[in-house]
N, C-alpha and C. Protein backbone atom coordinates (compact mmCIF):
# COMPACT_ATOMS: atom_id res chain seq x y z
N MET A 1 25.54 -144.88 152.79
CA MET A 1 24.04 -145.17 152.10
C MET A 1 22.96 -144.23 152.37
N GLU A 2 22.95 -144.26 151.28
CA GLU A 2 21.42 -143.43 151.15
C GLU A 2 20.53 -144.25 151.45
N LEU A 3 19.82 -143.91 152.38
CA LEU A 3 17.90 -144.39 151.56
C LEU A 3 16.85 -143.10 151.62
N LYS A 4 16.20 -143.55 149.94
CA LYS A 4 15.59 -142.40 149.91
C LYS A 4 13.85 -143.20 150.09
N ILE A 5 13.30 -142.90 151.18
CA ILE A 5 12.36 -142.99 151.23
C ILE A 5 10.28 -141.83 151.34
N THR A 6 9.43 -142.18 151.37
CA THR A 6 8.54 -141.20 150.65
C THR A 6 7.53 -141.17 151.91
N GLN A 7 6.98 -140.76 151.48
CA GLN A 7 6.14 -140.63 153.19
C GLN A 7 5.12 -139.64 152.97
N ASN A 8 3.29 -140.10 153.10
CA ASN A 8 2.41 -139.59 152.58
C ASN A 8 1.72 -139.39 153.51
N ILE A 9 1.97 -138.46 155.03
CA ILE A 9 1.68 -137.95 155.58
C ILE A 9 0.38 -136.81 155.95
N LYS A 10 -1.03 -137.13 157.28
CA LYS A 10 -1.87 -136.35 156.74
C LYS A 10 -1.16 -135.00 158.24
N PRO A 11 -2.82 -134.66 158.15
CA PRO A 11 -2.81 -134.03 159.70
C PRO A 11 -2.41 -134.82 160.89
N GLU A 12 -3.89 -135.84 160.46
CA GLU A 12 -4.49 -136.92 160.95
C GLU A 12 -3.00 -137.41 162.38
N ASP A 13 -2.09 -137.57 160.97
CA ASP A 13 -0.99 -138.43 161.89
C ASP A 13 -0.25 -137.87 162.53
N LEU A 14 -0.27 -137.08 162.57
CA LEU A 14 0.67 -135.31 163.06
C LEU A 14 -0.30 -136.02 164.18
N MET A 15 -1.23 -135.31 164.05
CA MET A 15 -2.34 -135.68 165.56
C MET A 15 -1.87 -136.60 165.96
N GLN A 16 -1.96 -137.55 165.96
CA GLN A 16 -2.32 -138.95 167.26
C GLN A 16 -1.61 -138.69 168.05
N GLY A 17 -2.46 -139.17 168.69
CA GLY A 17 -2.08 -139.36 170.14
C GLY A 17 -2.18 -137.81 171.11
N ILE A 18 -2.99 -136.68 170.39
CA ILE A 18 -2.76 -135.89 171.02
C ILE A 18 -4.00 -135.54 171.00
N SER A 19 -4.49 -135.73 172.37
CA SER A 19 -6.03 -135.48 172.85
C SER A 19 -6.05 -135.40 174.87
N TRP A 20 -7.08 -135.26 174.76
CA TRP A 20 -7.56 -134.61 176.22
C TRP A 20 -7.62 -135.94 176.83
N HIS A 21 -8.25 -136.25 177.84
CA HIS A 21 -8.81 -137.66 178.03
C HIS A 21 -8.42 -137.62 179.70
N GLY A 22 -8.33 -136.78 179.80
CA GLY A 22 -8.71 -136.56 181.71
C GLY A 22 -7.65 -137.23 183.23
N GLU A 23 -6.71 -137.95 182.13
CA GLU A 23 -6.32 -138.95 183.71
C GLU A 23 -4.58 -138.56 182.55
N THR A 24 -4.10 -137.89 183.95
CA THR A 24 -2.56 -137.41 184.39
C THR A 24 -1.09 -138.26 183.06
N ASN A 25 -1.15 -139.61 183.20
CA ASN A 25 -0.43 -139.58 182.63
C ASN A 25 0.03 -139.40 180.92
N HIS A 26 -2.17 -139.93 180.66
CA HIS A 26 -2.18 -139.91 178.28
C HIS A 26 -1.78 -138.22 178.30
N ASP A 27 -2.38 -137.75 179.76
CA ASP A 27 -2.58 -135.76 178.94
C ASP A 27 -1.50 -134.83 179.28
N ASN A 28 -0.04 -135.42 179.72
CA ASN A 28 1.47 -134.57 179.66
C ASN A 28 1.86 -135.48 178.57
N GLU A 29 1.79 -137.35 178.31
CA GLU A 29 2.56 -137.24 177.02
C GLU A 29 1.50 -136.56 174.86
N ALA A 30 0.56 -136.05 175.51
CA ALA A 30 -0.09 -134.73 174.62
C ALA A 30 0.42 -133.87 174.47
N VAL A 31 0.76 -133.70 176.20
CA VAL A 31 1.88 -132.08 175.85
C VAL A 31 3.33 -132.53 175.31
N GLU A 32 3.38 -133.63 175.14
CA GLU A 32 5.11 -133.68 175.07
C GLU A 32 5.05 -133.64 173.67
N LYS A 33 3.85 -134.54 172.63
CA LYS A 33 3.73 -134.14 171.89
C LYS A 33 3.34 -132.60 171.48
N LEU A 34 3.05 -132.03 171.85
CA LEU A 34 2.13 -131.03 171.39
C LEU A 34 4.07 -130.44 171.18
N LYS A 35 4.44 -130.48 172.42
CA LYS A 35 5.86 -129.71 172.30
C LYS A 35 6.89 -129.91 171.22
N GLU A 36 6.74 -131.21 170.13
CA GLU A 36 7.48 -131.88 169.91
C GLU A 36 6.72 -131.06 168.66
N LEU A 37 5.60 -131.57 168.36
CA LEU A 37 4.81 -130.89 167.47
C LEU A 37 4.92 -129.05 166.91
N ASN A 38 5.51 -128.14 168.11
CA ASN A 38 5.93 -127.34 168.26
C ASN A 38 6.65 -126.47 167.24
N VAL A 39 7.40 -127.19 168.36
CA VAL A 39 8.87 -127.22 167.14
C VAL A 39 8.88 -127.75 165.68
N PHE A 40 8.24 -128.73 165.39
CA PHE A 40 8.73 -129.28 163.57
C PHE A 40 7.40 -128.43 163.28
N VAL A 41 6.92 -127.86 163.77
CA VAL A 41 6.13 -126.26 162.32
C VAL A 41 6.70 -125.05 162.31
N SER A 42 7.65 -124.60 163.62
CA SER A 42 8.25 -123.53 163.83
C SER A 42 9.82 -123.41 163.37
N ASP A 43 9.92 -125.15 162.89
CA ASP A 43 11.02 -125.27 162.60
C ASP A 43 10.74 -125.26 160.69
N LEU A 44 9.47 -125.40 160.67
CA LEU A 44 9.35 -125.14 159.14
C LEU A 44 8.41 -124.18 158.42
N VAL A 45 8.07 -123.82 159.30
CA VAL A 45 8.12 -122.12 158.99
C VAL A 45 8.46 -120.89 158.71
N ALA A 46 9.75 -121.24 159.65
CA ALA A 46 10.45 -120.58 159.80
C ALA A 46 11.97 -120.97 158.33
N LYS A 47 11.87 -121.59 158.42
CA LYS A 47 12.60 -122.56 156.93
C LYS A 47 11.24 -121.92 155.74
N ILE A 48 9.78 -121.58 155.97
CA ILE A 48 9.45 -121.46 154.02
C ILE A 48 10.46 -119.64 154.36
N PHE A 49 9.85 -119.60 155.50
CA PHE A 49 9.66 -117.50 155.64
C PHE A 49 11.07 -117.40 154.92
N PHE A 50 12.75 -118.43 155.51
CA PHE A 50 13.61 -117.55 154.28
C PHE A 50 13.94 -117.79 153.68
N PHE A 51 13.77 -118.73 153.09
CA PHE A 51 13.40 -119.37 151.99
C PHE A 51 12.24 -118.13 150.26
N GLN A 52 11.64 -117.99 151.03
CA GLN A 52 10.38 -116.50 150.15
C GLN A 52 11.49 -115.65 150.60
N LEU A 53 12.11 -115.05 151.35
CA LEU A 53 13.10 -114.58 151.36
C LEU A 53 14.19 -114.22 150.15
N GLN A 54 15.17 -115.12 150.65
CA GLN A 54 15.42 -115.58 149.24
C GLN A 54 15.43 -115.66 148.29
N MET A 55 14.03 -116.12 148.21
CA MET A 55 13.36 -115.85 146.28
C MET A 55 12.79 -114.34 145.73
N GLU A 56 12.53 -113.73 146.78
CA GLU A 56 12.78 -112.38 146.54
C GLU A 56 12.95 -112.06 145.97
N GLN A 57 14.57 -112.24 146.48
CA GLN A 57 15.82 -111.78 146.34
C GLN A 57 16.19 -112.16 145.36
N VAL A 58 16.06 -113.08 144.79
CA VAL A 58 16.89 -113.77 143.12
C VAL A 58 15.74 -113.03 141.77
N ALA A 59 14.11 -113.31 142.50
CA ALA A 59 12.95 -111.99 141.95
C ALA A 59 13.51 -110.95 141.56
N THR A 60 13.40 -110.17 142.30
CA THR A 60 14.00 -108.29 141.98
C THR A 60 15.60 -108.90 141.82
N ASN A 61 16.13 -108.92 142.11
CA ASN A 61 18.33 -108.85 141.46
C ASN A 61 18.90 -109.51 140.20
N GLN A 62 17.86 -111.02 140.17
CA GLN A 62 17.66 -110.88 138.70
C GLN A 62 16.64 -111.42 137.29
N ASN A 63 15.69 -110.81 138.29
CA ASN A 63 14.00 -110.35 137.01
C ASN A 63 13.82 -111.99 136.78
N ASN A 64 14.19 -112.81 138.49
CA ASN A 64 13.94 -113.99 137.35
C ASN A 64 12.12 -114.64 137.74
N GLN A 65 11.15 -114.78 137.16
CA GLN A 65 9.57 -115.29 137.06
C GLN A 65 9.46 -116.09 138.17
N SER A 66 10.31 -117.71 138.18
CA SER A 66 10.17 -118.94 138.41
C SER A 66 10.54 -118.75 140.67
N ALA A 67 11.52 -117.75 140.44
CA ALA A 67 12.24 -117.06 141.49
C ALA A 67 10.55 -116.19 142.72
N LYS A 68 10.10 -115.68 141.81
CA LYS A 68 8.91 -114.50 141.68
C LYS A 68 7.82 -115.39 141.76
N LYS A 69 7.16 -116.36 141.15
CA LYS A 69 6.93 -117.25 141.49
C LYS A 69 6.58 -118.48 142.60
N LEU A 70 7.75 -118.49 142.63
CA LEU A 70 8.69 -119.75 144.15
C LEU A 70 8.37 -118.77 145.41
N SER A 71 8.52 -117.09 145.65
CA SER A 71 8.05 -116.13 146.79
C SER A 71 6.68 -116.04 147.05
N GLU A 72 5.97 -116.30 146.09
CA GLU A 72 4.79 -115.37 146.12
C GLU A 72 3.90 -116.55 146.78
N GLU A 73 4.49 -118.28 145.92
CA GLU A 73 3.41 -118.96 146.89
C GLU A 73 4.49 -118.94 148.34
N ALA A 74 4.63 -119.49 148.51
CA ALA A 74 5.78 -119.33 149.94
C ALA A 74 5.08 -117.93 150.65
N GLU A 75 4.78 -116.64 150.02
CA GLU A 75 4.05 -115.98 150.69
C GLU A 75 2.72 -116.60 151.08
N LYS A 76 1.73 -116.93 149.52
CA LYS A 76 -0.02 -117.37 150.55
C LYS A 76 0.37 -117.80 151.60
N MET A 77 1.42 -119.09 151.45
CA MET A 77 1.33 -119.81 152.53
C MET A 77 1.19 -119.27 153.87
N LEU A 78 2.47 -118.45 154.33
CA LEU A 78 2.92 -118.13 155.04
C LEU A 78 1.57 -116.74 155.73
N GLU A 79 0.91 -115.91 154.85
CA GLU A 79 -0.47 -115.57 155.28
C GLU A 79 -1.63 -116.05 155.82
N ASN A 80 -1.64 -117.62 155.03
CA ASN A 80 -2.22 -118.55 155.30
C ASN A 80 -2.14 -119.17 157.24
N VAL A 81 -1.11 -119.21 157.01
CA VAL A 81 -0.26 -119.86 158.66
C VAL A 81 -0.50 -118.08 159.36
N VAL A 82 -0.56 -117.59 159.47
CA VAL A 82 -1.14 -116.23 160.44
C VAL A 82 -2.67 -115.86 160.05
N LYS A 83 -3.08 -116.71 159.45
CA LYS A 83 -4.47 -116.09 159.88
C LYS A 83 -5.33 -118.00 159.99
N MET A 84 -4.74 -118.83 159.83
CA MET A 84 -5.35 -119.92 160.77
C MET A 84 -4.70 -119.61 162.69
N ALA A 85 -4.18 -118.67 162.69
CA ALA A 85 -3.71 -118.50 164.55
C ALA A 85 -3.96 -116.75 165.06
N THR A 86 -4.68 -116.65 163.95
CA THR A 86 -5.85 -114.71 163.93
C THR A 86 -6.85 -114.78 164.62
N LYS A 87 -8.35 -114.35 164.91
CA LYS A 87 -9.55 -114.18 164.56
C LYS A 87 -9.94 -113.50 163.20
N GLU A 88 -10.97 -114.01 162.48
CA GLU A 88 -11.41 -113.96 161.17
C GLU A 88 -11.08 -111.86 161.06
N GLU A 89 -11.88 -111.56 162.22
CA GLU A 89 -12.46 -110.02 162.11
C GLU A 89 -11.01 -109.34 161.76
N ASN A 90 -9.93 -109.90 162.13
CA ASN A 90 -8.21 -108.70 162.55
C ASN A 90 -7.15 -109.49 160.94
N TRP A 91 -8.46 -110.25 159.64
CA TRP A 91 -7.15 -111.16 158.82
C TRP A 91 -6.79 -109.56 158.24
N GLY A 92 -7.36 -108.83 158.14
CA GLY A 92 -7.59 -107.26 157.68
C GLY A 92 -6.46 -106.87 157.23
N ALA A 93 -6.34 -106.90 158.54
CA ALA A 93 -4.09 -106.47 158.94
C ALA A 93 -3.00 -107.45 158.85
N ILE A 94 -3.64 -108.66 157.84
CA ILE A 94 -2.53 -109.22 157.51
C ILE A 94 -1.54 -108.67 156.25
N PRO A 95 -2.48 -108.22 154.29
CA PRO A 95 -1.25 -107.62 153.59
C PRO A 95 -0.30 -107.01 154.39
N GLU A 96 -0.79 -106.20 155.06
CA GLU A 96 -0.21 -104.90 155.44
C GLU A 96 1.35 -104.79 156.29
N LEU A 97 0.49 -106.67 157.45
CA LEU A 97 1.94 -106.81 158.00
C LEU A 97 2.85 -107.11 157.24
N PHE A 98 3.34 -108.07 156.40
CA PHE A 98 3.27 -108.32 155.05
C PHE A 98 4.24 -107.31 153.66
N LYS A 99 3.13 -106.06 153.79
CA LYS A 99 3.62 -105.49 152.83
C LYS A 99 5.10 -104.91 153.53
N GLY A 100 4.95 -104.52 154.41
CA GLY A 100 5.78 -104.37 155.35
C GLY A 100 7.08 -104.64 155.04
N GLU A 101 6.79 -106.02 155.69
CA GLU A 101 8.20 -106.79 155.40
C GLU A 101 9.08 -107.04 153.89
N SER A 102 7.91 -107.19 153.01
CA SER A 102 8.93 -106.87 151.41
C SER A 102 9.87 -105.34 151.47
N ASN A 103 9.41 -105.17 152.74
CA ASN A 103 9.91 -102.57 151.59
C ASN A 103 11.56 -102.67 152.73
N ASP A 104 11.31 -104.20 153.94
CA ASP A 104 12.21 -103.65 154.71
C ASP A 104 14.01 -103.71 153.45
């Protein structure tokens, strides 16, 4: 049997229980939740990255416009992820990083 469940999740939901209290047990629980979130987010970003590469290939090899749009949107998302983890003064280098990826 297969069940389909739709759930709207907000960033606040994922951050629930992640805070500093200065109390060892609570802080250790927060560390464990951060580790779990790290695995989840890393897996998600990796899947988006491989999806973007796949759509880029389809767009190039089959001249498919919808694949091109999907690739571009996925790339925008990946660029935003990089920006979130980069100091603003270094944002200018980000397009070059992605340009290098698509030339390989």
